[in-house]
């Protein structure tokens, strides 16, 4: 999911470059552009993973997440945490089950 979002952002930037800058369409089919796009996608995924992990750590500190050590028990995430979507993304990256609570 993170790679798809990053790739879509890269495509939007390439489209804007076509519209705004004097860039030929052949530049986007070169090996250099493909390697640059790959590097941007990989970097974007790494940044998103780090942001999601930082949001999870913040949620644990603020007690919006109840982390269980046991794998079979889901992690409880409160619905009122502003960065809830990043916390859920982190839990999906790590494969941990979760539930949303009202607290």
N, C-alpha and C. Protein backbone atom coordinates (compact mmCIF):
# COMPACT_ATOMS: atom_id res chain seq x y z
N UNK A 1 0.83 -1.18 0.00
CA UNK A 1 0.00 0.00 0.00
C UNK A 1 0.88 1.25 0.00
N UNK A 2 1.90 1.25 0.82
CA UNK A 2 2.79 2.41 0.88
C UNK A 2 3.53 2.60 -0.44
N UNK A 3 3.95 1.49 -1.05
CA UNK A 3 4.65 1.59 -2.33
C UNK A 3 3.71 2.12 -3.42
N UNK A 4 2.45 1.71 -3.38
CA UNK A 4 1.48 2.19 -4.37
C UNK A 4 1.24 3.68 -4.22
N UNK A 5 1.10 4.13 -2.99
CA UNK A 5 0.88 5.56 -2.77
C UNK A 5 2.11 6.38 -3.19
N UNK A 6 3.28 5.88 -2.89
CA UNK A 6 4.50 6.58 -3.28
C UNK A 6 4.66 6.59 -4.80
N UNK A 7 4.33 5.47 -5.46
CA UNK A 7 4.41 5.42 -6.92
C UNK A 7 3.41 6.40 -7.55
N UNK A 8 2.22 6.49 -6.95
CA UNK A 8 1.23 7.42 -7.48
C UNK A 8 1.72 8.86 -7.32
N UNK A 9 2.35 9.18 -6.20
CA UNK A 9 2.92 10.50 -6.00
C UNK A 9 4.02 10.80 -7.00
N UNK A 10 4.82 9.80 -7.32
CA UNK A 10 5.87 9.95 -8.32
C UNK A 10 5.28 10.22 -9.70
N UNK A 11 4.20 9.53 -10.02
CA UNK A 11 3.54 9.76 -11.30
C UNK A 11 2.95 11.16 -11.39
N UNK A 12 2.40 11.65 -10.30
CA UNK A 12 1.86 13.01 -10.28
C UNK A 12 2.97 14.03 -10.50
N UNK A 13 4.11 13.82 -9.85
CA UNK A 13 5.25 14.72 -10.04
C UNK A 13 5.76 14.68 -11.49
N UNK A 14 5.76 13.49 -12.08
CA UNK A 14 6.20 13.39 -13.47
C UNK A 14 5.22 14.11 -14.40
N UNK A 15 3.94 13.99 -14.12
CA UNK A 15 2.94 14.69 -14.92
C UNK A 15 3.08 16.20 -14.80
N UNK A 16 3.30 16.66 -13.58
CA UNK A 16 3.51 18.10 -13.37
C UNK A 16 4.78 18.58 -14.08
N UNK A 17 5.81 17.76 -14.08
CA UNK A 17 7.05 18.12 -14.78
C UNK A 17 6.80 18.24 -16.28
N UNK A 18 5.96 17.35 -16.82
CA UNK A 18 5.62 17.43 -18.24
C UNK A 18 4.87 18.72 -18.57
N UNK A 19 3.98 19.13 -17.66
CA UNK A 19 3.16 20.31 -17.90
C UNK A 19 3.92 21.62 -17.68
N UNK A 20 4.80 21.64 -16.69
CA UNK A 20 5.44 22.89 -16.27
C UNK A 20 6.83 23.07 -16.87
N UNK A 21 7.63 22.04 -16.80
CA UNK A 21 9.03 22.14 -17.25
C UNK A 21 9.17 21.72 -18.71
N UNK A 22 10.17 22.23 -19.37
CA UNK A 22 10.41 21.81 -20.77
C UNK A 22 11.12 20.45 -20.82
N UNK A 23 10.38 19.39 -20.50
CA UNK A 23 10.94 18.05 -20.47
C UNK A 23 10.27 17.23 -21.57
N UNK A 24 11.05 16.50 -22.32
CA UNK A 24 10.47 15.67 -23.38
C UNK A 24 9.94 14.37 -22.77
N UNK A 25 9.03 13.75 -23.47
CA UNK A 25 8.46 12.48 -22.99
C UNK A 25 9.49 11.36 -23.02
N UNK A 26 10.48 11.48 -23.88
CA UNK A 26 11.51 10.44 -23.96
C UNK A 26 12.35 10.38 -22.68
N UNK A 27 12.42 11.49 -21.95
CA UNK A 27 13.20 11.50 -20.71
C UNK A 27 12.60 10.54 -19.68
N UNK A 28 11.28 10.33 -19.77
CA UNK A 28 10.62 9.46 -18.79
C UNK A 28 10.74 7.98 -19.12
N UNK A 29 11.28 7.66 -20.26
CA UNK A 29 11.49 6.25 -20.61
C UNK A 29 12.96 5.85 -20.50
N UNK A 30 13.78 6.75 -20.02
CA UNK A 30 15.21 6.45 -19.90
C UNK A 30 15.49 5.61 -18.65
N UNK A 31 16.63 4.95 -18.66
CA UNK A 31 17.03 4.13 -17.52
C UNK A 31 17.25 5.00 -16.29
N UNK A 32 17.83 6.18 -16.47
CA UNK A 32 18.09 7.07 -15.34
C UNK A 32 16.78 7.45 -14.63
N UNK A 33 15.74 7.76 -15.41
CA UNK A 33 14.47 8.12 -14.80
C UNK A 33 13.86 6.93 -14.07
N UNK A 34 13.94 5.76 -14.67
CA UNK A 34 13.39 4.56 -14.02
C UNK A 34 14.11 4.25 -12.70
N UNK A 35 15.43 4.41 -12.70
CA UNK A 35 16.18 4.19 -11.46
C UNK A 35 15.84 5.26 -10.42
N UNK A 36 15.68 6.50 -10.88
CA UNK A 36 15.27 7.56 -9.97
C UNK A 36 13.89 7.29 -9.39
N UNK A 37 12.96 6.87 -10.23
CA UNK A 37 11.61 6.56 -9.75
C UNK A 37 11.64 5.41 -8.75
N UNK A 38 12.43 4.39 -9.02
CA UNK A 38 12.57 3.27 -8.08
C UNK A 38 13.14 3.74 -6.75
N UNK A 39 14.15 4.59 -6.80
CA UNK A 39 14.76 5.11 -5.58
C UNK A 39 13.77 5.95 -4.78
N UNK A 40 12.96 6.74 -5.48
CA UNK A 40 11.94 7.56 -4.79
C UNK A 40 10.90 6.66 -4.13
N UNK A 41 10.47 5.61 -4.82
CA UNK A 41 9.46 4.70 -4.26
C UNK A 41 10.01 3.98 -3.03
N UNK A 42 11.22 3.45 -3.14
CA UNK A 42 11.83 2.75 -1.99
C UNK A 42 12.02 3.71 -0.82
N UNK A 43 12.50 4.91 -1.10
CA UNK A 43 12.69 5.91 -0.04
C UNK A 43 11.36 6.29 0.59
N UNK A 44 10.33 6.44 -0.23
CA UNK A 44 9.01 6.77 0.29
C UNK A 44 8.46 5.71 1.21
N UNK A 45 8.65 4.46 0.86
CA UNK A 45 8.18 3.35 1.71
C UNK A 45 8.94 3.36 3.04
N UNK A 46 10.22 3.58 2.99
CA UNK A 46 11.02 3.62 4.23
C UNK A 46 10.56 4.77 5.12
N UNK A 47 10.34 5.94 4.54
CA UNK A 47 9.88 7.10 5.33
C UNK A 47 8.51 6.84 5.93
N UNK A 48 7.60 6.27 5.15
CA UNK A 48 6.25 5.98 5.65
C UNK A 48 6.32 4.96 6.79
N UNK A 49 7.14 3.94 6.65
CA UNK A 49 7.29 2.95 7.72
C UNK A 49 7.82 3.58 9.01
N UNK A 50 8.79 4.48 8.87
CA UNK A 50 9.34 5.15 10.05
C UNK A 50 8.30 6.07 10.69
N UNK A 51 7.55 6.79 9.88
CA UNK A 51 6.49 7.66 10.42
C UNK A 51 5.43 6.84 11.14
N UNK A 52 5.04 5.71 10.56
CA UNK A 52 4.04 4.86 11.18
C UNK A 52 4.55 4.29 12.50
N UNK A 53 5.81 3.89 12.53
CA UNK A 53 6.39 3.37 13.78
C UNK A 53 6.47 4.46 14.85
N UNK A 54 6.84 5.67 14.45
CA UNK A 54 6.90 6.79 15.40
C UNK A 54 5.51 7.12 15.94
N UNK A 55 4.50 7.05 15.08
CA UNK A 55 3.12 7.30 15.52
C UNK A 55 2.67 6.22 16.51
N UNK A 56 3.07 4.98 16.26
CA UNK A 56 2.73 3.89 17.19
C UNK A 56 3.40 4.11 18.54
N UNK A 57 4.68 4.47 18.52
CA UNK A 57 5.39 4.74 19.78
C UNK A 57 4.73 5.89 20.55
N UNK A 58 4.34 6.93 19.84
CA UNK A 58 3.66 8.06 20.47
C UNK A 58 2.32 7.63 21.06
N UNK A 59 1.60 6.80 20.34
CA UNK A 59 0.31 6.31 20.83
C UNK A 59 0.50 5.45 22.09
N UNK A 60 1.55 4.66 22.13
CA UNK A 60 1.83 3.86 23.33
C UNK A 60 2.17 4.77 24.50
N UNK A 61 2.98 5.81 24.27
CA UNK A 61 3.34 6.74 25.33
C UNK A 61 2.12 7.48 25.88
N UNK A 62 1.22 7.86 24.98
CA UNK A 62 0.02 8.59 25.40
C UNK A 62 -1.14 7.68 25.79
N UNK A 63 -0.88 6.39 25.81
CA UNK A 63 -1.84 5.37 26.23
C UNK A 63 -3.09 5.33 25.36
N UNK A 64 -2.91 5.57 24.07
CA UNK A 64 -3.99 5.40 23.11
C UNK A 64 -3.94 4.00 22.50
N UNK A 65 -2.87 3.28 22.81
CA UNK A 65 -2.68 1.91 22.33
C UNK A 65 -2.33 1.04 23.51
N UNK A 66 -3.00 -0.08 23.58
CA UNK A 66 -2.67 -1.08 24.59
C UNK A 66 -1.97 -2.21 23.86
N UNK A 67 -0.68 -2.29 24.00
CA UNK A 67 0.10 -3.30 23.30
C UNK A 67 0.16 -4.58 24.13
N UNK A 68 -0.16 -5.67 23.51
CA UNK A 68 -0.07 -6.97 24.16
C UNK A 68 1.13 -7.71 23.61
N UNK A 69 1.79 -8.44 24.48
CA UNK A 69 2.96 -9.22 24.08
C UNK A 69 2.53 -10.45 23.29
N UNK A 70 1.41 -11.05 23.68
CA UNK A 70 0.95 -12.27 23.04
C UNK A 70 0.49 -11.98 21.61
N UNK A 71 0.86 -12.85 20.72
CA UNK A 71 0.52 -12.64 19.31
C UNK A 71 -0.97 -12.83 19.06
N UNK A 72 -1.59 -13.74 19.80
CA UNK A 72 -2.99 -14.06 19.53
C UNK A 72 -3.95 -12.96 19.99
N UNK A 73 -3.52 -12.09 20.89
CA UNK A 73 -4.39 -11.03 21.38
C UNK A 73 -4.23 -9.78 20.53
N UNK A 74 -5.33 -9.16 20.13
CA UNK A 74 -5.21 -7.96 19.30
C UNK A 74 -4.79 -6.74 20.11
N UNK A 75 -4.19 -5.80 19.43
CA UNK A 75 -3.79 -4.53 20.02
C UNK A 75 -5.01 -3.60 20.00
N UNK A 76 -5.30 -2.96 21.12
CA UNK A 76 -6.43 -2.03 21.20
C UNK A 76 -5.95 -0.63 20.84
N UNK A 77 -6.65 0.00 19.90
CA UNK A 77 -6.33 1.35 19.45
C UNK A 77 -7.56 2.21 19.69
N UNK A 78 -7.38 3.35 20.39
CA UNK A 78 -8.52 4.23 20.64
C UNK A 78 -8.88 5.00 19.37
N UNK A 79 -10.16 5.26 19.21
CA UNK A 79 -10.65 5.95 18.01
C UNK A 79 -10.35 7.44 18.03
N UNK A 80 -10.06 8.01 19.20
CA UNK A 80 -9.88 9.46 19.27
C UNK A 80 -8.42 9.91 19.12
N UNK A 81 -7.50 9.02 18.77
CA UNK A 81 -6.11 9.41 18.56
C UNK A 81 -5.97 10.00 17.17
N UNK A 82 -5.44 11.22 17.04
CA UNK A 82 -5.38 11.89 15.74
C UNK A 82 -4.55 11.16 14.68
N UNK A 83 -3.54 10.44 15.09
CA UNK A 83 -2.67 9.72 14.14
C UNK A 83 -3.04 8.24 14.05
N UNK A 84 -4.30 7.95 14.31
CA UNK A 84 -4.78 6.56 14.33
C UNK A 84 -4.47 5.84 13.01
N UNK A 85 -4.61 6.53 11.89
CA UNK A 85 -4.39 5.87 10.60
C UNK A 85 -2.95 5.43 10.44
N UNK A 86 -2.00 6.19 10.99
CA UNK A 86 -0.60 5.77 10.94
C UNK A 86 -0.33 4.60 11.87
N UNK A 87 -0.99 4.60 13.03
CA UNK A 87 -0.85 3.49 13.97
C UNK A 87 -1.38 2.21 13.33
N UNK A 88 -2.54 2.30 12.69
CA UNK A 88 -3.11 1.13 12.03
C UNK A 88 -2.22 0.67 10.88
N UNK A 89 -1.64 1.61 10.16
CA UNK A 89 -0.70 1.25 9.09
C UNK A 89 0.50 0.50 9.65
N UNK A 90 1.02 0.96 10.79
CA UNK A 90 2.14 0.26 11.43
C UNK A 90 1.73 -1.16 11.82
N UNK A 91 0.54 -1.30 12.38
CA UNK A 91 0.08 -2.63 12.78
C UNK A 91 -0.12 -3.53 11.57
N UNK A 92 -0.55 -2.97 10.46
CA UNK A 92 -0.69 -3.78 9.24
C UNK A 92 0.68 -4.15 8.67
N UNK A 93 1.65 -3.24 8.76
CA UNK A 93 3.01 -3.56 8.32
C UNK A 93 3.58 -4.72 9.12
N UNK A 94 3.32 -4.71 10.43
CA UNK A 94 3.88 -5.74 11.30
C UNK A 94 3.02 -6.99 11.38
N UNK A 95 1.82 -6.94 10.83
CA UNK A 95 0.95 -8.11 10.83
C UNK A 95 0.25 -8.38 12.15
N UNK A 96 0.18 -7.39 13.02
CA UNK A 96 -0.46 -7.58 14.32
C UNK A 96 -1.96 -7.28 14.20
N UNK A 97 -2.81 -8.12 14.78
CA UNK A 97 -4.24 -7.84 14.76
C UNK A 97 -4.54 -6.66 15.71
N UNK A 98 -5.62 -5.92 15.41
CA UNK A 98 -5.97 -4.77 16.23
C UNK A 98 -7.49 -4.63 16.31
N UNK A 99 -7.93 -3.93 17.33
CA UNK A 99 -9.33 -3.55 17.48
C UNK A 99 -9.39 -2.07 17.80
N UNK A 100 -10.46 -1.42 17.40
CA UNK A 100 -10.69 -0.02 17.71
C UNK A 100 -11.59 0.06 18.92
N UNK A 101 -11.20 0.90 19.87
CA UNK A 101 -12.00 1.06 21.09
C UNK A 101 -12.45 2.51 21.23
N UNK A 102 -13.41 2.75 22.07
CA UNK A 102 -13.97 4.09 22.26
C UNK A 102 -13.19 4.93 23.26
N UNK A 103 -12.38 4.32 24.11
CA UNK A 103 -11.68 5.06 25.17
C UNK A 103 -10.78 6.12 24.64
